[in-house]
Amino acid sequence: MVSEGQKIQVEKLPQKAGAKFDFDKVLLLVDLSADKAGDNKIEAGKPYLEGKKVSAELLEEKRLPKVTIFKYHSKTRYRRKKGHRQQVNIVKILKF
């Protein structure tokens, strides 16, 4: 769940840093503007909500720390070491 102004980390997107775009596949929308906690309006999609979108801005592109994968088979001299750095984007939610 996200709210306006929140920064989240998502997998790499095709947009460049500074670009504004929309997430059009919204699964759940909760309106927290009610006076009481139990009066919140909740909309759930089947599977997505029609006509709803979330606007966002891509703040930066970065890479996570390296993850090392090591394969080893005993008694056969088999050893493989491989590394991987996942690319992610930092996105700021603008409006719903």
N, C-alpha and C. Protein backbone atom coordinates (compact mmCIF):
# COMPACT_ATOMS: atom_id res chain seq x y z
N MET A 1 0.83 -1.17 0.00
CA MET A 1 0.00 0.00 0.00
C MET A 1 0.88 1.24 0.00
N VAL A 2 0.52 2.22 -0.77
CA VAL A 2 1.28 3.46 -0.84
C VAL A 2 0.34 4.64 -0.59
N SER A 3 0.94 5.78 -0.30
CA SER A 3 0.17 7.01 -0.13
C SER A 3 0.86 8.12 -0.90
N GLU A 4 0.18 9.24 -1.08
CA GLU A 4 0.74 10.36 -1.84
C GLU A 4 1.99 10.89 -1.16
N GLY A 5 3.02 11.18 -1.96
CA GLY A 5 4.27 11.70 -1.44
C GLY A 5 5.25 10.64 -0.98
N GLN A 6 4.84 9.39 -0.96
CA GLN A 6 5.70 8.31 -0.50
C GLN A 6 6.69 7.90 -1.60
N LYS A 7 7.90 7.53 -1.19
CA LYS A 7 8.91 7.03 -2.12
C LYS A 7 8.99 5.52 -1.97
N ILE A 8 8.94 4.81 -3.10
CA ILE A 8 9.02 3.36 -3.07
C ILE A 8 10.09 2.88 -4.03
N GLN A 9 10.54 1.66 -3.82
CA GLN A 9 11.55 1.03 -4.67
C GLN A 9 10.86 -0.05 -5.49
N VAL A 10 11.01 0.03 -6.83
CA VAL A 10 10.39 -0.95 -7.73
C VAL A 10 11.46 -1.49 -8.67
N GLU A 11 11.14 -2.59 -9.36
CA GLU A 11 12.07 -3.13 -10.34
C GLU A 11 12.25 -2.13 -11.48
N LYS A 12 13.30 -2.33 -12.26
CA LYS A 12 13.67 -1.40 -13.32
C LYS A 12 12.51 -1.16 -14.28
N LEU A 13 12.27 0.12 -14.58
CA LEU A 13 11.23 0.55 -15.50
C LEU A 13 11.88 1.11 -16.77
N PRO A 14 11.17 1.14 -17.89
CA PRO A 14 11.77 1.64 -19.13
C PRO A 14 11.95 3.16 -19.17
N GLN A 15 11.33 3.93 -18.27
CA GLN A 15 11.43 5.38 -18.27
C GLN A 15 12.80 5.84 -17.74
N LYS A 16 13.15 7.08 -18.06
CA LYS A 16 14.39 7.69 -17.58
C LYS A 16 14.12 8.51 -16.33
N ALA A 17 15.18 8.88 -15.61
CA ALA A 17 15.05 9.65 -14.37
C ALA A 17 14.39 11.00 -14.66
N GLY A 18 13.46 11.41 -13.82
CA GLY A 18 12.74 12.66 -13.99
C GLY A 18 11.43 12.53 -14.75
N ALA A 19 11.18 11.37 -15.34
CA ALA A 19 9.96 11.17 -16.13
C ALA A 19 8.76 10.96 -15.23
N LYS A 20 7.61 11.46 -15.68
CA LYS A 20 6.34 11.24 -14.97
C LYS A 20 5.54 10.23 -15.78
N PHE A 21 4.88 9.31 -15.08
CA PHE A 21 4.12 8.26 -15.74
C PHE A 21 3.00 7.79 -14.83
N ASP A 22 2.16 6.87 -15.32
CA ASP A 22 1.01 6.37 -14.57
C ASP A 22 1.09 4.85 -14.43
N PHE A 23 0.72 4.38 -13.25
CA PHE A 23 0.47 2.96 -13.04
C PHE A 23 -1.03 2.77 -13.27
N ASP A 24 -1.41 2.03 -14.32
CA ASP A 24 -2.83 1.89 -14.63
C ASP A 24 -3.43 0.59 -14.12
N LYS A 25 -2.61 -0.32 -13.61
CA LYS A 25 -3.12 -1.58 -13.06
C LYS A 25 -3.16 -1.47 -11.54
N VAL A 26 -4.27 -0.96 -11.03
CA VAL A 26 -4.45 -0.74 -9.59
C VAL A 26 -5.30 -1.89 -9.04
N LEU A 27 -4.79 -2.58 -8.01
CA LEU A 27 -5.49 -3.71 -7.43
C LEU A 27 -6.46 -3.32 -6.33
N LEU A 28 -6.08 -2.35 -5.48
CA LEU A 28 -6.86 -2.00 -4.30
C LEU A 28 -6.74 -0.51 -4.05
N LEU A 29 -7.85 0.13 -3.68
CA LEU A 29 -7.85 1.55 -3.36
C LEU A 29 -8.58 1.74 -2.03
N VAL A 30 -7.89 2.34 -1.05
CA VAL A 30 -8.47 2.57 0.28
C VAL A 30 -8.49 4.07 0.52
N ASP A 31 -9.66 4.62 0.84
CA ASP A 31 -9.81 6.04 1.14
C ASP A 31 -9.71 6.22 2.65
N LEU A 32 -8.61 6.81 3.13
CA LEU A 32 -8.36 6.97 4.56
C LEU A 32 -8.84 8.32 5.09
N SER A 33 -9.68 9.03 4.34
CA SER A 33 -10.12 10.37 4.75
C SER A 33 -11.32 10.34 5.69
N ALA A 34 -11.78 9.17 6.10
CA ALA A 34 -12.94 9.07 6.99
C ALA A 34 -12.59 9.54 8.39
N ASP A 35 -13.62 9.96 9.14
CA ASP A 35 -13.42 10.43 10.51
C ASP A 35 -13.03 9.30 11.45
N LYS A 36 -13.69 8.17 11.32
CA LYS A 36 -13.41 7.01 12.17
C LYS A 36 -12.63 5.97 11.39
N ALA A 37 -11.89 5.14 12.11
CA ALA A 37 -11.07 4.12 11.46
C ALA A 37 -11.92 3.09 10.73
N GLY A 38 -13.12 2.79 11.20
CA GLY A 38 -13.96 1.78 10.58
C GLY A 38 -14.76 2.27 9.39
N ASP A 39 -14.75 3.57 9.10
CA ASP A 39 -15.55 4.14 8.02
C ASP A 39 -14.78 4.30 6.71
N ASN A 40 -13.63 3.69 6.58
CA ASN A 40 -12.82 3.84 5.37
C ASN A 40 -13.50 3.17 4.18
N LYS A 41 -13.41 3.81 3.02
CA LYS A 41 -13.99 3.28 1.79
C LYS A 41 -12.93 2.42 1.09
N ILE A 42 -13.28 1.17 0.79
CA ILE A 42 -12.34 0.23 0.18
C ILE A 42 -12.90 -0.24 -1.15
N GLU A 43 -12.08 -0.16 -2.21
CA GLU A 43 -12.45 -0.67 -3.52
C GLU A 43 -11.43 -1.73 -3.92
N ALA A 44 -11.90 -2.90 -4.29
CA ALA A 44 -11.03 -3.99 -4.73
C ALA A 44 -11.37 -4.34 -6.17
N GLY A 45 -10.35 -4.61 -6.97
CA GLY A 45 -10.56 -4.93 -8.37
C GLY A 45 -10.67 -6.43 -8.61
N LYS A 46 -11.18 -6.78 -9.80
CA LYS A 46 -11.30 -8.19 -10.19
C LYS A 46 -10.73 -8.37 -11.58
N PRO A 47 -9.49 -8.45 -11.84
CA PRO A 47 -8.34 -8.32 -10.94
C PRO A 47 -7.90 -6.87 -10.74
N TYR A 48 -8.25 -5.95 -11.66
CA TYR A 48 -7.83 -4.55 -11.54
C TYR A 48 -9.04 -3.64 -11.47
N LEU A 49 -8.84 -2.43 -10.94
CA LEU A 49 -9.91 -1.43 -10.89
C LEU A 49 -9.98 -0.71 -12.23
N GLU A 50 -11.18 -0.57 -12.75
CA GLU A 50 -11.39 0.10 -14.02
C GLU A 50 -11.35 1.62 -13.83
N GLY A 51 -10.62 2.33 -14.69
CA GLY A 51 -10.60 3.79 -14.67
C GLY A 51 -9.78 4.42 -13.55
N LYS A 52 -9.08 3.65 -12.78
CA LYS A 52 -8.25 4.18 -11.69
C LYS A 52 -6.78 4.09 -12.10
N LYS A 53 -6.01 5.11 -11.70
CA LYS A 53 -4.58 5.09 -11.99
C LYS A 53 -3.84 5.85 -10.90
N VAL A 54 -2.55 5.57 -10.78
CA VAL A 54 -1.69 6.21 -9.80
C VAL A 54 -0.58 6.92 -10.57
N SER A 55 -0.45 8.24 -10.39
CA SER A 55 0.60 9.00 -11.06
C SER A 55 1.86 8.97 -10.21
N ALA A 56 3.00 8.86 -10.89
CA ALA A 56 4.28 8.76 -10.18
C ALA A 56 5.37 9.46 -10.97
N GLU A 57 6.47 9.74 -10.29
CA GLU A 57 7.65 10.35 -10.91
C GLU A 57 8.86 9.49 -10.58
N LEU A 58 9.67 9.22 -11.60
CA LEU A 58 10.88 8.42 -11.41
C LEU A 58 11.99 9.32 -10.91
N LEU A 59 12.44 9.10 -9.68
CA LEU A 59 13.45 9.96 -9.07
C LEU A 59 14.87 9.54 -9.43
N GLU A 60 15.18 8.25 -9.30
CA GLU A 60 16.55 7.81 -9.60
C GLU A 60 16.58 6.34 -9.98
N GLU A 61 17.64 5.98 -10.69
CA GLU A 61 17.91 4.60 -11.04
C GLU A 61 19.15 4.18 -10.26
N LYS A 62 19.11 2.99 -9.65
CA LYS A 62 20.28 2.54 -8.91
C LYS A 62 20.36 1.02 -8.95
N ARG A 63 21.45 0.50 -8.40
CA ARG A 63 21.67 -0.93 -8.35
C ARG A 63 21.84 -1.35 -6.90
N LEU A 64 21.27 -2.48 -6.57
CA LEU A 64 21.38 -3.01 -5.21
C LEU A 64 22.77 -3.62 -5.00
N PRO A 65 23.16 -3.87 -3.75
CA PRO A 65 24.45 -4.52 -3.50
C PRO A 65 24.52 -5.90 -4.16
N LYS A 66 25.74 -6.31 -4.47
CA LYS A 66 25.95 -7.57 -5.18
C LYS A 66 25.55 -8.77 -4.34
N VAL A 67 24.87 -9.71 -4.99
CA VAL A 67 24.52 -10.99 -4.37
C VAL A 67 25.43 -12.03 -4.99
N THR A 68 26.10 -12.82 -4.16
CA THR A 68 27.03 -13.83 -4.64
C THR A 68 26.36 -15.20 -4.61
N ILE A 69 26.44 -15.91 -5.74
CA ILE A 69 25.90 -17.25 -5.85
C ILE A 69 27.08 -18.20 -5.95
N PHE A 70 27.11 -19.21 -5.10
CA PHE A 70 28.22 -20.16 -5.11
C PHE A 70 27.66 -21.57 -5.17
N LYS A 71 28.04 -22.31 -6.23
CA LYS A 71 27.63 -23.70 -6.38
C LYS A 71 28.81 -24.59 -6.03
N TYR A 72 28.54 -25.69 -5.34
CA TYR A 72 29.62 -26.56 -4.89
C TYR A 72 29.12 -28.01 -4.87
N HIS A 73 29.88 -28.90 -5.49
CA HIS A 73 29.61 -30.33 -5.42
C HIS A 73 30.81 -30.98 -4.76
N SER A 74 30.55 -31.70 -3.71
CA SER A 74 31.67 -32.32 -2.99
C SER A 74 32.26 -33.48 -3.79
N LYS A 75 33.53 -33.69 -3.61
CA LYS A 75 34.29 -34.83 -4.16
C LYS A 75 34.43 -34.81 -5.68
N THR A 76 34.03 -33.73 -6.37
CA THR A 76 34.15 -33.70 -7.83
C THR A 76 34.92 -32.48 -8.31
N ARG A 77 35.42 -31.65 -7.41
CA ARG A 77 36.13 -30.41 -7.73
C ARG A 77 35.26 -29.44 -8.54
N TYR A 78 33.99 -29.47 -8.31
CA TYR A 78 33.07 -28.57 -9.01
C TYR A 78 32.76 -27.37 -8.12
N ARG A 79 33.15 -26.19 -8.58
CA ARG A 79 32.88 -24.95 -7.87
C ARG A 79 32.56 -23.86 -8.89
N ARG A 80 31.48 -23.13 -8.67
CA ARG A 80 31.11 -22.02 -9.54
C ARG A 80 30.73 -20.83 -8.67
N LYS A 81 31.30 -19.69 -8.97
CA LYS A 81 30.99 -18.47 -8.24
C LYS A 81 30.48 -17.44 -9.24
N LYS A 82 29.33 -16.86 -8.94
CA LYS A 82 28.72 -15.90 -9.85
C LYS A 82 28.12 -14.77 -9.02
N GLY A 83 28.13 -13.56 -9.55
CA GLY A 83 27.56 -12.41 -8.85
C GLY A 83 26.47 -11.75 -9.68
N HIS A 84 25.59 -11.03 -8.99
CA HIS A 84 24.49 -10.35 -9.68
C HIS A 84 24.11 -9.10 -8.90
N ARG A 85 23.89 -7.99 -9.61
CA ARG A 85 23.40 -6.74 -9.00
C ARG A 85 22.08 -6.39 -9.66
N GLN A 86 21.02 -6.37 -8.87
CA GLN A 86 19.68 -6.07 -9.38
C GLN A 86 19.52 -4.57 -9.61
N GLN A 87 18.95 -4.19 -10.75
CA GLN A 87 18.69 -2.79 -11.05
C GLN A 87 17.29 -2.43 -10.55
N VAL A 88 17.18 -1.31 -9.82
CA VAL A 88 15.91 -0.86 -9.27
C VAL A 88 15.74 0.63 -9.53
N ASN A 89 14.51 1.11 -9.39
CA ASN A 89 14.20 2.52 -9.52
C ASN A 89 13.52 3.01 -8.25
N ILE A 90 13.80 4.27 -7.88
CA ILE A 90 13.13 4.92 -6.77
C ILE A 90 12.04 5.81 -7.37
N VAL A 91 10.79 5.58 -6.96
CA VAL A 91 9.63 6.25 -7.54
C VAL A 91 8.89 7.01 -6.44
N LYS A 92 8.47 8.25 -6.74
CA LYS A 92 7.67 9.04 -5.80
C LYS A 92 6.22 9.05 -6.30
N ILE A 93 5.29 8.70 -5.41
CA ILE A 93 3.87 8.68 -5.75
C ILE A 93 3.34 10.11 -5.70
N LEU A 94 2.75 10.59 -6.80
CA LEU A 94 2.26 11.97 -6.87
C LEU A 94 0.79 12.08 -6.48
N LYS A 95 -0.08 11.33 -7.15
CA LYS A 95 -1.52 11.40 -6.83
C LYS A 95 -2.22 10.14 -7.30
N PHE A 96 -3.45 9.97 -6.80
CA PHE A 96 -4.26 8.80 -7.14
C PHE A 96 -5.31 9.19 -8.14
